[in-house]
N, C-alpha and C. Protein backbone atom coordinates (compact mmCIF):
# COMPACT_ATOMS: atom_id res chain seq x y z
N MET A 1 118.00 130.05 229.49
CA MET A 1 117.72 129.15 228.39
C MET A 1 118.50 129.58 227.16
N GLN A 2 119.30 128.69 226.60
CA GLN A 2 120.08 128.99 225.41
C GLN A 2 119.29 128.54 224.19
N GLU A 3 119.27 129.39 223.19
CA GLU A 3 118.54 129.06 221.97
C GLU A 3 119.50 128.50 220.94
N ASN A 4 119.02 127.57 220.13
CA ASN A 4 119.86 126.94 219.12
C ASN A 4 120.03 127.86 217.92
N LEU A 5 121.28 128.01 217.49
CA LEU A 5 121.56 128.76 216.29
C LEU A 5 121.59 127.82 215.10
N GLU A 6 121.08 128.29 214.00
CA GLU A 6 121.14 127.56 212.72
C GLU A 6 122.09 128.32 211.80
N ARG A 7 122.70 127.59 210.89
CA ARG A 7 123.52 128.20 209.84
C ARG A 7 122.73 128.15 208.55
N GLY A 8 122.92 129.14 207.73
CA GLY A 8 122.25 129.16 206.44
C GLY A 8 122.88 130.18 205.51
N ARG A 9 122.27 130.33 204.35
CA ARG A 9 122.71 131.31 203.36
C ARG A 9 121.53 132.19 202.98
N VAL A 10 121.84 133.45 202.74
CA VAL A 10 120.80 134.38 202.29
C VAL A 10 120.41 133.96 200.88
N ASP A 11 119.14 133.59 200.71
CA ASP A 11 118.62 133.11 199.43
C ASP A 11 118.06 134.27 198.62
N LEU A 12 117.47 135.21 199.29
CA LEU A 12 116.88 136.37 198.62
C LEU A 12 116.93 137.53 199.60
N TYR A 13 117.36 138.68 199.12
CA TYR A 13 117.32 139.87 199.96
C TYR A 13 116.89 141.03 199.10
N ASP A 14 115.76 141.60 199.44
CA ASP A 14 115.20 142.73 198.72
C ASP A 14 115.62 144.01 199.43
N MET A 15 116.03 145.00 198.70
CA MET A 15 116.50 146.25 199.30
C MET A 15 115.40 146.96 200.10
N ARG A 16 114.17 146.50 199.98
CA ARG A 16 113.08 147.07 200.81
C ARG A 16 113.14 146.51 202.23
N GLY A 17 114.07 145.55 202.49
CA GLY A 17 114.28 145.10 203.85
C GLY A 17 113.70 143.76 204.22
N PHE A 18 113.44 142.89 203.26
CA PHE A 18 112.97 141.55 203.60
C PHE A 18 113.63 140.53 202.70
N GLY A 19 113.56 139.26 203.11
CA GLY A 19 114.15 138.21 202.30
C GLY A 19 113.99 136.85 202.93
N PHE A 20 114.82 135.91 202.46
CA PHE A 20 114.77 134.53 202.94
C PHE A 20 116.18 134.01 203.19
N VAL A 21 116.30 133.18 204.21
CA VAL A 21 117.51 132.43 204.50
C VAL A 21 117.15 130.96 204.34
N VAL A 22 118.06 130.18 203.74
CA VAL A 22 117.85 128.74 203.58
C VAL A 22 118.90 128.00 204.40
N ASP A 23 118.43 127.06 205.23
CA ASP A 23 119.38 126.27 206.04
C ASP A 23 119.89 125.08 205.24
N GLY A 24 120.74 124.27 205.84
CA GLY A 24 121.33 123.12 205.17
C GLY A 24 120.35 122.03 204.78
N ARG A 25 119.16 122.04 205.38
CA ARG A 25 118.13 121.05 205.04
C ARG A 25 117.18 121.55 203.96
N GLY A 26 117.38 122.81 203.54
CA GLY A 26 116.53 123.38 202.50
C GLY A 26 115.32 124.14 203.02
N THR A 27 115.19 124.29 204.34
CA THR A 27 114.07 125.04 204.90
C THR A 27 114.30 126.53 204.68
N ARG A 28 113.28 127.21 204.19
CA ARG A 28 113.37 128.66 203.95
C ARG A 28 112.76 129.40 205.14
N TYR A 29 113.50 130.39 205.62
CA TYR A 29 113.09 131.23 206.76
C TYR A 29 112.95 132.67 206.27
N PHE A 30 111.81 133.25 206.54
CA PHE A 30 111.54 134.64 206.17
C PHE A 30 112.24 135.57 207.16
N PHE A 31 112.67 136.73 206.70
CA PHE A 31 113.18 137.75 207.62
C PHE A 31 112.89 139.15 207.09
N ARG A 32 112.87 140.07 208.02
CA ARG A 32 112.82 141.50 207.73
C ARG A 32 114.09 142.12 208.30
N SER A 33 114.43 143.31 207.87
CA SER A 33 115.67 143.92 208.34
C SER A 33 115.69 144.10 209.86
N GLU A 34 114.53 144.21 210.51
CA GLU A 34 114.51 144.34 211.97
C GLU A 34 114.91 143.03 212.67
N ASN A 35 115.01 141.92 211.90
CA ASN A 35 115.46 140.65 212.47
C ASN A 35 116.99 140.54 212.51
N PHE A 36 117.70 141.56 211.98
CA PHE A 36 119.17 141.54 212.02
C PHE A 36 119.63 141.76 213.45
N ALA A 37 120.69 141.08 213.83
CA ALA A 37 121.33 141.35 215.11
C ALA A 37 122.01 142.72 215.00
N PHE A 38 122.28 143.35 216.12
CA PHE A 38 122.93 144.65 216.07
C PHE A 38 124.27 144.53 215.34
N GLY A 39 124.63 145.58 214.64
CA GLY A 39 125.90 145.60 213.93
C GLY A 39 125.88 144.92 212.57
N VAL A 40 124.72 144.50 212.07
CA VAL A 40 124.62 143.91 210.73
C VAL A 40 123.97 144.94 209.82
N PRO A 41 124.78 145.75 209.14
CA PRO A 41 124.19 146.81 208.33
C PRO A 41 123.62 146.34 207.01
N TYR A 42 124.16 145.25 206.46
CA TYR A 42 123.75 144.86 205.12
C TYR A 42 124.12 143.41 204.87
N LEU A 43 123.27 142.70 204.18
CA LEU A 43 123.56 141.34 203.74
C LEU A 43 123.33 141.25 202.24
N SER A 44 124.03 140.33 201.61
CA SER A 44 123.86 140.09 200.17
C SER A 44 123.41 138.65 199.97
N GLU A 45 122.77 138.41 198.85
CA GLU A 45 122.39 137.05 198.50
C GLU A 45 123.64 136.18 198.45
N GLY A 46 123.57 135.00 199.07
CA GLY A 46 124.69 134.08 199.10
C GLY A 46 125.54 134.19 200.35
N ASP A 47 125.37 135.26 201.14
CA ASP A 47 126.14 135.41 202.38
C ASP A 47 125.78 134.30 203.35
N GLU A 48 126.79 133.77 204.05
CA GLU A 48 126.55 132.77 205.08
C GLU A 48 126.22 133.49 206.38
N VAL A 49 125.15 133.03 207.05
CA VAL A 49 124.68 133.67 208.28
C VAL A 49 124.37 132.62 209.35
N VAL A 50 124.24 133.08 210.58
CA VAL A 50 123.69 132.28 211.66
C VAL A 50 122.46 133.03 212.16
N PHE A 51 121.49 132.27 212.68
CA PHE A 51 120.23 132.87 213.10
C PHE A 51 119.51 131.96 214.08
N ILE A 52 118.53 132.52 214.74
CA ILE A 52 117.67 131.74 215.63
C ILE A 52 116.37 131.47 214.88
N PRO A 53 116.04 130.18 214.65
CA PRO A 53 114.78 129.87 213.97
C PRO A 53 113.58 130.06 214.90
N ARG A 54 112.54 130.65 214.37
CA ARG A 54 111.30 130.86 215.13
C ARG A 54 110.12 130.40 214.27
N PRO A 55 109.06 129.91 214.92
CA PRO A 55 107.88 129.56 214.14
C PRO A 55 107.24 130.82 213.57
N GLY A 56 106.62 130.67 212.43
CA GLY A 56 105.93 131.80 211.81
C GLY A 56 104.87 131.28 210.86
N SER A 57 104.10 132.19 210.33
CA SER A 57 103.06 131.81 209.39
C SER A 57 103.10 132.79 208.23
N PRO A 58 103.20 132.36 207.03
CA PRO A 58 103.09 130.99 206.53
C PRO A 58 104.41 130.23 206.55
N SER A 59 105.55 130.90 206.80
CA SER A 59 106.82 130.18 206.85
C SER A 59 107.55 130.52 208.14
N PRO A 60 108.52 129.68 208.55
CA PRO A 60 109.28 129.99 209.75
C PRO A 60 110.08 131.29 209.56
N VAL A 61 110.51 131.88 210.67
CA VAL A 61 111.19 133.18 210.65
C VAL A 61 112.63 133.02 211.14
N ALA A 62 113.55 133.73 210.49
CA ALA A 62 114.94 133.81 210.94
C ALA A 62 115.07 135.06 211.80
N ASP A 63 115.50 134.89 213.04
CA ASP A 63 115.62 136.01 213.97
C ASP A 63 117.07 136.16 214.41
N CYS A 64 117.44 137.34 214.84
CA CYS A 64 118.81 137.62 215.33
C CYS A 64 119.86 137.21 214.30
N ILE A 65 119.63 137.57 213.06
CA ILE A 65 120.53 137.19 211.97
C ILE A 65 121.84 137.97 212.08
N ARG A 66 122.94 137.25 211.91
CA ARG A 66 124.24 137.91 211.84
C ARG A 66 125.15 137.10 210.91
N SER A 67 126.19 137.73 210.45
CA SER A 67 127.14 137.04 209.58
C SER A 67 127.74 135.86 210.31
N ALA A 68 127.89 134.76 209.61
CA ALA A 68 128.49 133.56 210.21
C ALA A 68 129.97 133.80 210.43
N PRO A 69 130.50 133.30 211.55
CA PRO A 69 131.94 133.47 211.78
C PRO A 69 132.75 132.69 210.74
N THR A 70 133.88 133.26 210.37
CA THR A 70 134.77 132.58 209.43
C THR A 70 135.47 131.43 210.15
N LYS A 71 136.12 130.57 209.39
CA LYS A 71 136.83 129.44 209.98
C LYS A 71 137.92 129.94 210.93
N SER A 72 138.64 130.98 210.55
CA SER A 72 139.70 131.49 211.43
C SER A 72 139.11 132.09 212.71
N GLU A 73 137.96 132.72 212.62
CA GLU A 73 137.31 133.25 213.82
C GLU A 73 136.85 132.12 214.74
N ARG A 74 136.30 131.05 214.15
CA ARG A 74 135.90 129.89 214.95
C ARG A 74 137.10 129.25 215.63
N ASN A 75 138.21 129.11 214.88
CA ASN A 75 139.42 128.51 215.45
C ASN A 75 139.96 129.35 216.60
N ALA A 76 139.94 130.67 216.44
CA ALA A 76 140.43 131.56 217.50
C ALA A 76 139.55 131.44 218.74
N ALA A 77 138.24 131.37 218.56
CA ALA A 77 137.33 131.24 219.70
C ALA A 77 137.54 129.91 220.41
N GLU A 78 137.71 128.83 219.64
CA GLU A 78 137.96 127.52 220.26
C GLU A 78 139.27 127.51 221.03
N ALA A 79 140.31 128.14 220.47
CA ALA A 79 141.60 128.19 221.16
C ALA A 79 141.49 128.99 222.46
N LEU A 80 140.74 130.08 222.43
CA LEU A 80 140.54 130.89 223.63
C LEU A 80 139.78 130.09 224.68
N LEU A 81 138.73 129.42 224.30
CA LEU A 81 137.96 128.61 225.25
C LEU A 81 138.82 127.50 225.85
N LYS A 82 139.66 126.88 225.03
CA LYS A 82 140.54 125.83 225.52
C LYS A 82 141.54 126.39 226.51
N ALA A 83 142.11 127.55 226.19
CA ALA A 83 143.10 128.17 227.09
C ALA A 83 142.46 128.57 228.41
N LEU A 84 141.24 129.04 228.36
CA LEU A 84 140.54 129.45 229.59
C LEU A 84 140.17 128.26 230.47
N SER A 85 139.97 127.10 229.85
CA SER A 85 139.56 125.93 230.62
C SER A 85 140.75 125.20 231.23
N GLU A 86 141.95 125.54 230.82
CA GLU A 86 143.16 124.85 231.35
C GLU A 86 143.62 125.46 232.64
């Protein structure tokens, strides 16, 4: 089962290890530093991220947070997938 990734921006990040990510629809997702995907040492407010949305109480939770790929990284991945499918 593949889970849907959402894109968003870090809205608040407290150095104590928690914060919020806001998606394109304005939904705020809570996170703790343990919700970071491996290899994500630090995020700053305003950073673009991808994450798996999960239900939570009182607000939904952002899980498996990682930095969003740049446009050049996305283009390279698409080119590789296209080359592999030919």
